[in-house]
Amino acid sequence: MFRICLWFAMFMALIAPIHAAEVSFAVTANFAAPMQKITQAFEQDTGHKAVLSCGSTGMLYAQIRNGAPYQILLSADADKPNKLEKEGLDAPGSRFT
C-alpha cells in the first residue's frame, strides 16, 4: 500500500505545474497519516519541501474556492474535484482517479 501511495504522490507531483521548492498538498484527514510518510520520501527524492494541509474534503474544497494555493488535492470523494474542474479551479486535464 505504501508503495502505491508513494507512486501516486510522486506522479501527482510530476504532472502538477511545480516551479518552486515548496509543494502544497491538500489532503483529506483520513489520508493524513500515510501522507506524512509519503511526503518524507517525496522530499528526499525530489528536494522539494512538502507542505500538508489536512481536513475534510468539503473544507479543502471551500479553501480552494476561496483562493488557497494548493498544488495537489488528494480527495476522499470524486464530487468535490468534479466541482472544482467544472468551476475551472484546477489544472485542465489533471484530475484522475
PDB file of N, CA and C in Angstrom:
ATOM      1  N   MET A   1       0.830  -1.192   0.000  1.00  0.00           N
ATOM      2  CA  MET A   1       0.000   0.000   0.000  1.00  0.00           C
ATOM      3  C   MET A   1       0.873   1.254   0.000  1.00  0.00           C
ATOM      4  N   PHE A   2       1.928   1.244   0.836  1.00  0.00           N
ATOM      5  CA  PHE A   2       2.798   2.421   0.923  1.00  0.00           C
ATOM      6  C   PHE A   2       3.427   2.734  -0.426  1.00  0.00           C
ATOM      7  N   ARG A   3       3.879   1.701  -1.144  1.00  0.00           N
ATOM      8  CA  ARG A   3       4.496   1.932  -2.455  1.00  0.00           C
ATOM      9  C   ARG A   3       3.494   2.529  -3.447  1.00  0.00           C
ATOM     10  N   ILE A   4       2.251   2.060  -3.402  1.00  0.00           N
ATOM     11  CA  ILE A   4       1.221   2.603  -4.294  1.00  0.00           C
ATOM     12  C   ILE A   4       0.980   4.063  -3.964  1.00  0.00           C
ATOM     13  N   CYS A   5       0.870   4.364  -2.672  1.00  0.00           N
ATOM     14  CA  CYS A   5       0.642   5.751  -2.254  1.00  0.00           C
ATOM     15  C   CYS A   5       1.826   6.625  -2.629  1.00  0.00           C
ATOM     16  N   LEU A   6       3.028   6.105  -2.451  1.00  0.00           N
ATOM     17  CA  LEU A   6       4.224   6.865  -2.820  1.00  0.00           C
ATOM     18  C   LEU A   6       4.240   7.139  -4.320  1.00  0.00           C
ATOM     19  N   TRP A   7       3.937   6.132  -5.118  1.00  0.00           N
ATOM     20  CA  TRP A   7       3.891   6.325  -6.566  1.00  0.00           C
ATOM     21  C   TRP A   7       2.862   7.382  -6.922  1.00  0.00           C
ATOM     22  N   PHE A   8       1.699   7.315  -6.298  1.00  0.00           N
ATOM     23  CA  PHE A   8       0.640   8.268  -6.587  1.00  0.00           C
ATOM     24  C   PHE A   8       1.094   9.684  -6.277  1.00  0.00           C
ATOM     25  N   ALA A   9       1.688   9.881  -5.114  1.00  0.00           N
ATOM     26  CA  ALA A   9       2.144  11.221  -4.736  1.00  0.00           C
ATOM     27  C   ALA A   9       3.222  11.723  -5.686  1.00  0.00           C
ATOM     28  N   MET A  10       4.141  10.855  -6.054  1.00  0.00           N
ATOM     29  CA  MET A  10       5.208  11.260  -6.974  1.00  0.00           C
ATOM     30  C   MET A  10       4.619  11.599  -8.346  1.00  0.00           C
ATOM     31  N   PHE A  11       3.686  10.801  -8.816  1.00  0.00           N
ATOM     32  CA  PHE A  11       3.067  11.064 -10.109  1.00  0.00           C
ATOM     33  C   PHE A  11       2.331  12.394 -10.095  1.00  0.00           C
ATOM     34  N   MET A  12       1.570  12.637  -9.024  1.00  0.00           N
ATOM     35  CA  MET A  12       0.846  13.904  -8.923  1.00  0.00           C
ATOM     36  C   MET A  12       1.816  15.078  -8.930  1.00  0.00           C
ATOM     37  N   ALA A  13       2.916  14.916  -8.258  1.00  0.00           N
ATOM     38  CA  ALA A  13       3.902  15.993  -8.216  1.00  0.00           C
ATOM     39  C   ALA A  13       4.497  16.246  -9.595  1.00  0.00           C
ATOM     40  N   LEU A  14       4.652  15.203 -10.370  1.00  0.00           N
ATOM     41  CA  LEU A  14       5.238  15.373 -11.699  1.00  0.00           C
ATOM     42  C   LEU A  14       4.279  16.036 -12.683  1.00  0.00           C
ATOM     43  N   ILE A  15       2.976  15.773 -12.550  1.00  0.00           N
ATOM     44  CA  ILE A  15       2.051  16.348 -13.518  1.00  0.00           C
ATOM     45  C   ILE A  15       1.577  17.736 -13.129  1.00  0.00           C
ATOM     46  N   ALA A  16       1.743  18.111 -11.881  1.00  0.00           N
ATOM     47  CA  ALA A  16       1.324  19.443 -11.442  1.00  0.00           C
ATOM     48  C   ALA A  16       2.368  20.467 -11.888  1.00  0.00           C
ATOM     49  N   PRO A  17       1.933  21.678 -12.181  1.00  0.00           N
ATOM     50  CA  PRO A  17       2.887  22.710 -12.592  1.00  0.00           C
ATOM     51  C   PRO A  17       3.682  23.229 -11.397  1.00  0.00           C
ATOM     52  N   ILE A  18       4.774  22.573 -11.100  1.00  0.00           N
ATOM     53  CA  ILE A  18       5.589  22.907  -9.938  1.00  0.00           C
ATOM     54  C   ILE A  18       6.819  23.674 -10.405  1.00  0.00           C
ATOM     55  N   HIS A  19       6.951  24.881  -9.900  1.00  0.00           N
ATOM     56  CA  HIS A  19       8.089  25.702 -10.271  1.00  0.00           C
ATOM     57  C   HIS A  19       8.830  26.222  -9.054  1.00  0.00           C
ATOM     58  N   ALA A  20       8.467  25.761  -7.876  1.00  0.00           N
ATOM     59  CA  ALA A  20       9.085  26.252  -6.657  1.00  0.00           C
ATOM     60  C   ALA A  20       9.633  25.087  -5.859  1.00  0.00           C
ATOM     61  N   ALA A  21      10.376  25.406  -4.832  1.00  0.00           N
ATOM     62  CA  ALA A  21      10.959  24.377  -3.993  1.00  0.00           C
ATOM     63  C   ALA A  21       9.980  23.891  -2.938  1.00  0.00           C
ATOM     64  N   GLU A  22       8.763  24.411  -2.949  1.00  0.00           N
ATOM     65  CA  GLU A  22       7.757  24.014  -1.978  1.00  0.00           C
ATOM     66  C   GLU A  22       6.495  23.574  -2.714  1.00  0.00           C
ATOM     67  N   VAL A  23       5.949  22.428  -2.305  1.00  0.00           N
ATOM     68  CA  VAL A  23       4.744  21.887  -2.928  1.00  0.00           C
ATOM     69  C   VAL A  23       3.662  21.791  -1.858  1.00  0.00           C
ATOM     70  N   SER A  24       2.506  22.377  -2.130  1.00  0.00           N
ATOM     71  CA  SER A  24       1.426  22.355  -1.141  1.00  0.00           C
ATOM     72  C   SER A  24       0.402  21.285  -1.496  1.00  0.00           C
ATOM     73  N   PHE A  25       0.166  20.391  -0.554  1.00  0.00           N
ATOM     74  CA  PHE A  25      -0.769  19.290  -0.699  1.00  0.00           C
ATOM     75  C   PHE A  25      -1.984  19.547   0.174  1.00  0.00           C
ATOM     76  N   ALA A  26      -3.176  19.446  -0.372  1.00  0.00           N
ATOM     77  CA  ALA A  26      -4.418  19.445   0.394  1.00  0.00           C
ATOM     78  C   ALA A  26      -4.835  17.983   0.491  1.00  0.00           C
ATOM     79  N   VAL A  27      -4.928  17.478   1.705  1.00  0.00           N
ATOM     80  CA  VAL A  27      -5.119  16.045   1.917  1.00  0.00           C
ATOM     81  C   VAL A  27      -6.298  15.813   2.857  1.00  0.00           C
ATOM     82  N   THR A  28      -7.193  14.909   2.469  1.00  0.00           N
ATOM     83  CA  THR A  28      -8.301  14.602   3.363  1.00  0.00           C
ATOM     84  C   THR A  28      -7.760  13.954   4.638  1.00  0.00           C
ATOM     85  N   ALA A  29      -8.445  14.221   5.737  1.00  0.00           N
ATOM     86  CA  ALA A  29      -7.969  13.812   7.055  1.00  0.00           C
ATOM     87  C   ALA A  29      -7.735  12.308   7.161  1.00  0.00           C
ATOM     88  N   ASN A  30      -8.550  11.512   6.492  1.00  0.00           N
ATOM     89  CA  ASN A  30      -8.388  10.065   6.596  1.00  0.00           C
ATOM     90  C   ASN A  30      -7.131   9.555   5.897  1.00  0.00           C
ATOM     91  N   PHE A  31      -6.453  10.403   5.161  1.00  0.00           N
ATOM     92  CA  PHE A  31      -5.236  10.015   4.472  1.00  0.00           C
ATOM     93  C   PHE A  31      -4.002  10.749   5.026  1.00  0.00           C
ATOM     94  N   ALA A  32      -4.179  11.487   6.123  1.00  0.00           N
ATOM     95  CA  ALA A  32      -3.108  12.321   6.667  1.00  0.00           C
ATOM     96  C   ALA A  32      -1.906  11.515   7.154  1.00  0.00           C
ATOM     97  N   ALA A  33      -2.133  10.464   7.911  1.00  0.00           N
ATOM     98  CA  ALA A  33      -1.016   9.689   8.460  1.00  0.00           C
ATOM     99  C   ALA A  33      -0.154   9.055   7.364  1.00  0.00           C
ATOM    100  N   PRO A  34      -0.754   8.345   6.393  1.00  0.00           N
ATOM    101  CA  PRO A  34       0.091   7.793   5.333  1.00  0.00           C
ATOM    102  C   PRO A  34       0.780   8.885   4.519  1.00  0.00           C
ATOM    103  N   MET A  35       0.105  10.006   4.332  1.00  0.00           N
ATOM    104  CA  MET A  35       0.677  11.083   3.525  1.00  0.00           C
ATOM    105  C   MET A  35       1.906  11.686   4.184  1.00  0.00           C
ATOM    106  N   GLN A  36       1.961  11.692   5.502  1.00  0.00           N
ATOM    107  CA  GLN A  36       3.150  12.198   6.182  1.00  0.00           C
ATOM    108  C   GLN A  36       4.359  11.332   5.850  1.00  0.00           C
ATOM    109  N   LYS A  37       4.161  10.022   5.791  1.00  0.00           N
ATOM    110  CA  LYS A  37       5.253   9.116   5.412  1.00  0.00           C
ATOM    111  C   LYS A  37       5.631   9.307   3.942  1.00  0.00           C
ATOM    112  N   ILE A  38       4.622   9.472   3.106  1.00  0.00           N
ATOM    113  CA  ILE A  38       4.864   9.660   1.673  1.00  0.00           C
ATOM    114  C   ILE A  38       5.650  10.941   1.430  1.00  0.00           C
ATOM    115  N   THR A  39       5.294  12.009   2.143  1.00  0.00           N
ATOM    116  CA  THR A  39       5.989  13.280   1.912  1.00  0.00           C
ATOM    117  C   THR A  39       7.442  13.230   2.337  1.00  0.00           C
ATOM    118  N   GLN A  40       7.768  12.404   3.320  1.00  0.00           N
ATOM    119  CA  GLN A  40       9.177  12.240   3.699  1.00  0.00           C
ATOM    120  C   GLN A  40       9.973  11.698   2.509  1.00  0.00           C
ATOM    121  N   ALA A  41       9.455  10.670   1.875  1.00  0.00           N
ATOM    122  CA  ALA A  41      10.121  10.092   0.703  1.00  0.00           C
ATOM    123  C   ALA A  41      10.121  11.079  -0.457  1.00  0.00           C
ATOM    124  N   PHE A  42       9.019  11.794  -0.637  1.00  0.00           N
ATOM    125  CA  PHE A  42       8.917  12.807  -1.690  1.00  0.00           C
ATOM    126  C   PHE A  42      10.019  13.862  -1.521  1.00  0.00           C
ATOM    127  N   GLU A  43      10.180  14.353  -0.303  1.00  0.00           N
ATOM    128  CA  GLU A  43      11.193  15.383  -0.048  1.00  0.00           C
ATOM    129  C   GLU A  43      12.604  14.855  -0.301  1.00  0.00           C
ATOM    130  N   GLN A  44      12.869  13.621   0.105  1.00  0.00           N
ATOM    131  CA  GLN A  44      14.188  13.026  -0.131  1.00  0.00           C
ATOM    132  C   GLN A  44      14.454  12.839  -1.619  1.00  0.00           C
ATOM    133  N   ASP A  45      13.454  12.374  -2.360  1.00  0.00           N
ATOM    134  CA  ASP A  45      13.637  12.068  -3.773  1.00  0.00           C
ATOM    135  C   ASP A  45      13.678  13.301  -4.674  1.00  0.00           C
ATOM    136  N   THR A  46      12.943  14.346  -4.313  1.00  0.00           N
ATOM    137  CA  THR A  46      12.827  15.497  -5.210  1.00  0.00           C
ATOM    138  C   THR A  46      13.571  16.738  -4.748  1.00  0.00           C
ATOM    139  N   GLY A  47      13.847  16.824  -3.450  1.00  0.00           N
ATOM    140  CA  GLY A  47      14.440  18.040  -2.921  1.00  0.00           C
ATOM    141  C   GLY A  47      13.423  19.135  -2.664  1.00  0.00           C
ATOM    142  N   HIS A  48      12.164  18.903  -3.024  1.00  0.00           N
ATOM    143  CA  HIS A  48      11.085  19.854  -2.757  1.00  0.00           C
ATOM    144  C   HIS A  48      10.567  19.644  -1.339  1.00  0.00           C
ATOM    145  N   LYS A  49      10.141  20.708  -0.701  1.00  0.00           N
ATOM    146  CA  LYS A  49       9.516  20.616   0.607  1.00  0.00           C
ATOM    147  C   LYS A  49       8.021  20.433   0.407  1.00  0.00           C
ATOM    148  N   ALA A  50       7.460  19.453   1.109  1.00  0.00           N
ATOM    149  CA  ALA A  50       6.026  19.188   1.029  1.00  0.00           C
ATOM    150  C   ALA A  50       5.337  19.845   2.221  1.00  0.00           C
ATOM    151  N   VAL A  51       4.327  20.643   1.927  1.00  0.00           N
ATOM    152  CA  VAL A  51       3.534  21.292   2.962  1.00  0.00           C
ATOM    153  C   VAL A  51       2.137  20.682   2.923  1.00  0.00           C
ATOM    154  N   LEU A  52       1.737  20.051   4.019  1.00  0.00           N
ATOM    155  CA  LEU A  52       0.442  19.379   4.078  1.00  0.00           C
ATOM    156  C   LEU A  52      -0.593  20.236   4.787  1.00  0.00           C
ATOM    157  N   SER A  53      -1.774  20.282   4.217  1.00  0.00           N
ATOM    158  CA  SER A  53      -2.943  20.862   4.870  1.00  0.00           C
ATOM    159  C   SER A  53      -3.989  19.765   4.887  1.00  0.00           C
ATOM    160  N   CYS A  54      -4.410  19.370   6.074  1.00  0.00           N
ATOM    161  CA  CYS A  54      -5.342  18.256   6.211  1.00  0.00           C
ATOM    162  C   CYS A  54      -6.692  18.735   6.712  1.00  0.00           C
ATOM    163  N   GLY A  55      -7.734  18.092   6.245  1.00  0.00           N
ATOM    164  CA  GLY A  55      -9.085  18.422   6.686  1.00  0.00           C
ATOM    165  C   GLY A  55     -10.095  17.627   5.892  1.00  0.00           C
ATOM    166  N   SER A  56     -11.338  17.966   6.071  1.00  0.00           N
ATOM    167  CA  SER A  56     -12.400  17.283   5.315  1.00  0.00           C
ATOM    168  C   SER A  56     -12.340  17.731   3.859  1.00  0.00           C
ATOM    169  N   THR A  57     -12.854  16.910   2.979  1.00  0.00           N
ATOM    170  CA  THR A  57     -12.877  17.261   1.562  1.00  0.00           C
ATOM    171  C   THR A  57     -13.677  18.539   1.341  1.00  0.00           C
ATOM    172  N   GLY A  58     -14.788  18.682   2.047  1.00  0.00           N
ATOM    173  CA  GLY A  58     -15.605  19.887   1.923  1.00  0.00           C
ATOM    174  C   GLY A  58     -14.857  21.136   2.355  1.00  0.00           C
ATOM    175  N   MET A  59     -14.101  21.044   3.451  1.00  0.00           N
ATOM    176  CA  MET A  59     -13.340  22.193   3.927  1.00  0.00           C
ATOM    177  C   MET A  59     -12.233  22.561   2.929  1.00  0.00           C
ATOM    178  N   LEU A  60     -11.543  21.552   2.411  1.00  0.00           N
ATOM    179  CA  LEU A  60     -10.477  21.811   1.438  1.00  0.00           C
ATOM    180  C   LEU A  60     -11.056  22.409   0.156  1.00  0.00           C
ATOM    181  N   TYR A  61     -12.202  21.903  -0.253  1.00  0.00           N
ATOM    182  CA  TYR A  61     -12.894  22.442  -1.429  1.00  0.00           C
ATOM    183  C   TYR A  61     -13.204  23.928  -1.222  1.00  0.00           C
ATOM    184  N   ALA A  62     -13.741  24.266  -0.063  1.00  0.00           N
ATOM    185  CA  ALA A  62     -14.070  25.667   0.238  1.00  0.00           C
ATOM    186  C   ALA A  62     -12.812  26.537   0.243  1.00  0.00           C
ATOM    187  N   GLN A  63     -11.733  26.017   0.787  1.00  0.00           N
ATOM    188  CA  GLN A  63     -10.480  26.778   0.805  1.00  0.00           C
ATOM    189  C   GLN A  63      -9.982  27.035  -0.611  1.00  0.00           C
ATOM    190  N   ILE A  64     -10.050  26.028  -1.461  1.00  0.00           N
ATOM    191  CA  ILE A  64      -9.604  26.191  -2.856  1.00  0.00           C
ATOM    192  C   ILE A  64     -10.489  27.206  -3.568  1.00  0.00           C
ATOM    193  N   ARG A  65     -11.788  27.126  -3.364  1.00  0.00           N
ATOM    194  CA  ARG A  65     -12.713  28.096  -3.979  1.00  0.00           C
ATOM    195  C   ARG A  65     -12.411  29.516  -3.530  1.00  0.00           C
ATOM    196  N   ASN A  66     -11.858  29.651  -2.336  1.00  0.00           N
ATOM    197  CA  ASN A  66     -11.543  30.969  -1.792  1.00  0.00           C
ATOM    198  C   ASN A  66     -10.081  31.354  -1.976  1.00  0.00           C
ATOM    199  N   GLY A  67      -9.375  30.633  -2.857  1.00  0.00           N
ATOM    200  CA  GLY A  67      -8.040  31.044  -3.245  1.00  0.00           C
ATOM    201  C   GLY A  67      -6.875  30.352  -2.580  1.00  0.00           C
ATOM    202  N   ALA A  68      -7.110  29.320  -1.799  1.00  0.00           N
ATOM    203  CA  ALA A  68      -5.983  28.604  -1.189  1.00  0.00           C
ATOM    204  C   ALA A  68      -5.072  28.078  -2.302  1.00  0.00           C
ATOM    205  N   PRO A  69      -3.783  28.265  -2.169  1.00  0.00           N
ATOM    206  CA  PRO A  69      -2.851  27.945  -3.260  1.00  0.00           C
ATOM    207  C   PRO A  69      -2.346  26.500  -3.260  1.00  0.00           C
ATOM    208  N   TYR A  70      -3.237  25.537  -3.106  1.00  0.00           N
ATOM    209  CA  TYR A  70      -2.809  24.141  -3.134  1.00  0.00           C
ATOM    210  C   TYR A  70      -2.436  23.744  -4.556  1.00  0.00           C
ATOM    211  N   GLN A  71      -1.365  22.978  -4.672  1.00  0.00           N
ATOM    212  CA  GLN A  71      -0.959  22.471  -5.977  1.00  0.00           C
ATOM    213  C   GLN A  71      -1.511  21.079  -6.233  1.00  0.00           C
ATOM    214  N   ILE A  72      -1.767  20.325  -5.148  1.00  0.00           N
ATOM    215  CA  ILE A  72      -2.255  18.956  -5.275  1.00  0.00           C
ATOM    216  C   ILE A  72      -3.360  18.735  -4.258  1.00  0.00           C
ATOM    217  N   LEU A  73      -4.466  18.148  -4.709  1.00  0.00           N
ATOM    218  CA  LEU A  73      -5.576  17.788  -3.825  1.00  0.00           C
ATOM    219  C   LEU A  73      -5.749  16.281  -3.860  1.00  0.00           C
ATOM    220  N   LEU A  74      -5.671  15.655  -2.699  1.00  0.00           N
ATOM    221  CA  LEU A  74      -5.993  14.242  -2.564  1.00  0.00           C
ATOM    222  C   LEU A  74      -7.333  14.182  -1.854  1.00  0.00           C
ATOM    223  N   SER A  75      -8.362  13.809  -2.582  1.00  0.00           N
ATOM    224  CA  SER A  75      -9.740  13.890  -2.099  1.00  0.00           C
ATOM    225  C   SER A  75     -10.279  12.528  -1.703  1.00  0.00           C
ATOM    226  N   ALA A  76     -11.206  12.545  -0.728  1.00  0.00           N
ATOM    227  CA  ALA A  76     -11.867  11.311  -0.299  1.00  0.00           C
ATOM    228  C   ALA A  76     -13.050  10.963  -1.181  1.00  0.00           C
ATOM    229  N   ASP A  77     -13.462  11.874  -2.034  1.00  0.00           N
ATOM    230  CA  ASP A  77     -14.570  11.595  -2.942  1.00  0.00           C
ATOM    231  C   ASP A  77     -14.301  12.249  -4.292  1.00  0.00           C
ATOM    232  N   ALA A  78     -15.113  11.899  -5.268  1.00  0.00           N
ATOM    233  CA  ALA A  78     -14.932  12.469  -6.609  1.00  0.00           C
ATOM    234  C   ALA A  78     -15.780  13.715  -6.824  1.00  0.00           C
ATOM    235  N   ASP A  79     -16.758  13.940  -5.966  1.00  0.00           N
ATOM    236  CA  ASP A  79     -17.684  15.048  -6.142  1.00  0.00           C
ATOM    237  C   ASP A  79     -16.991  16.409  -6.101  1.00  0.00           C
ATOM    238  N   LYS A  80     -16.197  16.652  -5.089  1.00  0.00           N
ATOM    239  CA  LYS A  80     -15.567  17.971  -4.952  1.00  0.00           C
ATOM    240  C   LYS A  80     -14.542  18.236  -6.067  1.00  0.00           C
ATOM    241  N   PRO A  81     -13.679  17.286  -6.412  1.00  0.00           N
ATOM    242  CA  PRO A  81     -12.791  17.532  -7.553  1.00  0.00           C
ATOM    243  C   PRO A  81     -13.548  17.775  -8.856  1.00  0.00           C
ATOM    244  N   ASN A  82     -14.684  17.076  -9.047  1.00  0.00           N
ATOM    245  CA  ASN A  82     -15.513  17.316 -10.233  1.00  0.00           C
ATOM    246  C   ASN A  82     -16.019  18.751 -10.241  1.00  0.00           C
ATOM    247  N   LYS A  83     -16.477  19.230  -9.084  1.00  0.00           N
ATOM    248  CA  LYS A  83     -16.956  20.610  -8.985  1.00  0.00           C
ATOM    249  C   LYS A  83     -15.840  21.597  -9.287  1.00  0.00           C
ATOM    250  N   LEU A  84     -14.654  21.342  -8.734  1.00  0.00           N
ATOM    251  CA  LEU A  84     -13.522  22.239  -8.984  1.00  0.00           C
ATOM    252  C   LEU A  84     -13.187  22.293 -10.472  1.00  0.00           C
ATOM    253  N   GLU A  85     -13.272  21.140 -11.131  1.00  0.00           N
ATOM    254  CA  GLU A  85     -12.995  21.096 -12.569  1.00  0.00           C
ATOM    255  C   GLU A  85     -14.049  21.895 -13.335  1.00  0.00           C
ATOM    256  N   LYS A  86     -15.325  21.711 -13.006  1.00  0.00           N
ATOM    257  CA  LYS A  86     -16.398  22.435 -13.686  1.00  0.00           C
ATOM    258  C   LYS A  86     -16.306  23.938 -13.455  1.00  0.00           C
ATOM    259  N   GLU A  87     -15.773  24.319 -12.297  1.00  0.00           N
ATOM    260  CA  GLU A  87     -15.631  25.731 -11.962  1.00  0.00           C
ATOM    261  C   GLU A  87     -14.326  26.331 -12.490  1.00  0.00           C
ATOM    262  N   GLY A  88     -13.520  25.509 -13.162  1.00  0.00           N
ATOM    263  CA  GLY A  88     -12.263  25.997 -13.728  1.00  0.00           C
ATOM    264  C   GLY A  88     -11.193  26.281 -12.695  1.00  0.00           C
ATOM    265  N   LEU A  89     -11.247  25.579 -11.580  1.00  0.00           N
ATOM    266  CA  LEU A  89     -10.298  25.828 -10.498  1.00  0.00           C
ATOM    267  C   LEU A  89      -9.238  24.745 -10.361  1.00  0.00           C
ATOM    268  N   ASP A  90      -9.019  23.992 -11.421  1.00  0.00           N
ATOM    269  CA  ASP A  90      -7.955  23.003 -11.427  1.00  0.00           C
ATOM    270  C   ASP A  90      -7.133  23.168 -12.697  1.00  0.00           C
ATOM    271  N   ALA A  91      -6.043  22.445 -12.745  1.00  0.00           N
ATOM    272  CA  ALA A  91      -5.243  22.440 -13.972  1.00  0.00           C
ATOM    273  C   ALA A  91      -5.966  21.541 -14.968  1.00  0.00           C
ATOM    274  N   PRO A  92      -6.334  22.063 -16.146  1.00  0.00           N
ATOM    275  CA  PRO A  92      -7.091  21.264 -17.112  1.00  0.00           C
ATOM    276  C   PRO A  92      -6.426  19.915 -17.417  1.00  0.00           C
ATOM    277  N   GLY A  93      -7.229  18.864 -17.354  1.00  0.00           N
ATOM    278  CA  GLY A  93      -6.744  17.520 -17.667  1.00  0.00           C
ATOM    279  C   GLY A  93      -5.935  16.856 -16.574  1.00  0.00           C
ATOM    280  N   SER A  94      -5.868  17.453 -15.388  1.00  0.00           N
ATOM    281  CA  SER A  94      -5.028  16.887 -14.339  1.00  0.00           C
ATOM    282  C   SER A  94      -5.773  15.966 -13.366  1.00  0.00           C
ATOM    283  N   ARG A  95      -7.096  16.019 -13.355  1.00  0.00           N
ATOM    284  CA  ARG A  95      -7.866  15.217 -12.400  1.00  0.00           C
ATOM    285  C   ARG A  95      -7.945  13.778 -12.867  1.00  0.00           C
ATOM    286  N   PHE A  96      -7.703  12.874 -11.915  1.00  0.00           N
ATOM    287  CA  PHE A  96      -7.871  11.442 -12.222  1.00  0.00           C
ATOM    288  C   PHE A  96      -8.159  10.684 -10.946  1.00  0.00           C
ATOM    289  N   THR A  97      -8.703   9.470 -11.119  1.00  0.00           N
ATOM    290  CA  THR A  97      -8.996   8.580 -10.000  1.00  0.00           C
ATOM    291  C   THR A  97      -8.059   7.403 -10.083  1.00  0.00           C
TER     292      THR A  97
END
